[in-house]
Amino acid sequence: MKAFQATRALRQGRRYQTLKAVNPYTGKVAWEERAWTSEEGVKGLLEADAAFKVYRGLELAKRSEFLRECGKILVERADEFAEAMAIEMGKPVAQGKAESVKCSTVADYYAENLQSMLVGEEVEAGFQKSYVTKQPLGTILLIMPWNFPFWQVFRQASAAYAAGCSVVCKHAPNVPKCARLIEEVFHTAARRAGIPEKVYVNLPMYATDIYPVMSHGACRAISFTGSTAAGGIVGSAASKLIKPSVLELGGNDPSLVLEDADIKRAAQCGAAGRMLNAGQSCIGSKRFLVVEKVYDEFLGAFVEEMQKYTMGNPMEMDTKLGTLVDHKAQKTLDEQTKATIKGGAKVALEGGMPQHEGAFFLPTVLYDVPVGTPGYEDELFGPVASVIRVKDEKEAIDVANSSKYGLGASIYSQDIERANRIAREDIEAGMCYINDFVKSHPRLPFGGVKNSGYGRECSAYGINTFCNIKSVVIA
């Protein structure tokens, strides 16, 4: 709580009164609105809690209808939503449209499966009857990031709605238009389905003002996606408040390229995993741990693939590389890259900051990256890849697991049994993909270990996050 109070005082001292989106391609203010106070946030929470008391009692078919309507709107308005993402955080419109359509798949998934996920279970325990049932927790607070502004919200909100909860969401302050459009989706779907609109309330607030919402009795659980540092603050506060929380935090995901890998595929998938969303992805491929027998071959093929990602206007459909979110992120990435090179890394592809007013960062490949440098130890949130030489499979596993993070990992090998063994038994991560880069999927649990957080999103595991799993016994 002290961290919240300190930063809130700092914000009040600077008199921040608005949420502002600055287009990272043009540098112009794209959207601006007044930020809510803590008191207004609590009022929004209470409105959502009142809606919850109605929503939880509706037939399960109503929840499914609501989620299906969300899915329809996400497809119908995908072009509009993609444009908002491009303007506010620099995502190319083709990627933004794909994100909106992907959101429809998670809404449809829970609409289709929520009834089976919520079925009770009879347990033989020596009583006349005993069983387990799932009940909704209540109103859930989402604290969401800017990098996948629609997907991050919908994958958690859809699970919460399937469970029977209501949702309030404090989105990132630099994507206020996206936040409003998301609220429009939920409200329009609610009207179509005949349920209370306030099952979703957007909280246009700064994080430093959110503690009164978190600490209020009507807030029953917290889901946070963002940096490990901020997640530590949120998780600590939730723990002191004795409230369940889910933390999806940073990653420094390794890609193990073994001596029997299909090098062309490893290079193509590795580049795609590094360059998606201009490299601004927690599950992006960041460290490439390559067995020395195929090191030079992979490095050459990988550089060739990375060079194919050329920068362009995020508003154009054929653009593959948009901007970073802002110039602050651009400067931070530049400093991390230079520090890694100063620490002894070599440059295979020199990208960096081009002469352009937009917050671009060109594809960069560093190799022979030493221990202790940012490119080895930290999460580089942008299109910079670290290629690291390892002697063999064992060293690749050891280096992969040496990270403080444990979100995702990729293993490239044509021996599927071998790769499967490594993924299943050896890698310390929440998700392992064999011969592909890590992706989130509605049907698969998403989350990490170590400093990458705790809890799981998506799948049946995701719905359990928002349920009171209750034992009932008839003696």
Foldseek 3Di string as FASTA:
>chain_A
DVVLVVVLVVCVVVPDFKQWFAFLAPRHTDDMDGADFLVVVQVLLVLLQVLLVVQQPDDLLLLLQLLLLLLVVLLVCLQVQLVLLCRRFWAFSQLSSVLSNQLSVLSNVLSVCLVVLQDKAWDDDPFPTKIKGWAFQEEAEEEEESLSQRNVVSLQQSLNSSRSYAYEYAYDSSRVVSLVVNLVSSQVSCVVSVGDSSSYHYRNHDPSRHLSVLLDPRHAEYEYEEALVVQVVVVVSCVVSVHHYFYQHAAAAEEEEAPQFPLLLCLQQLLCQCCNSQNQDRQRHAEYEYAPNCQVVNLVSNLVNLVVQDADRSHDNPHRHTAGRHQVLLVVLQVLVVQQVVVPWDWPDDWHDDPHSRRHTGATETECGDPPGCSQAHRNRGRYHYYHYDNHDVRSLVSQQVYQWAFEYEYGHPPVVVRVCCQVPGHQHPYYYYSHGDDDHQQDWGFTDGSSTDATTHHSSSSSSRIDTDMDGDD
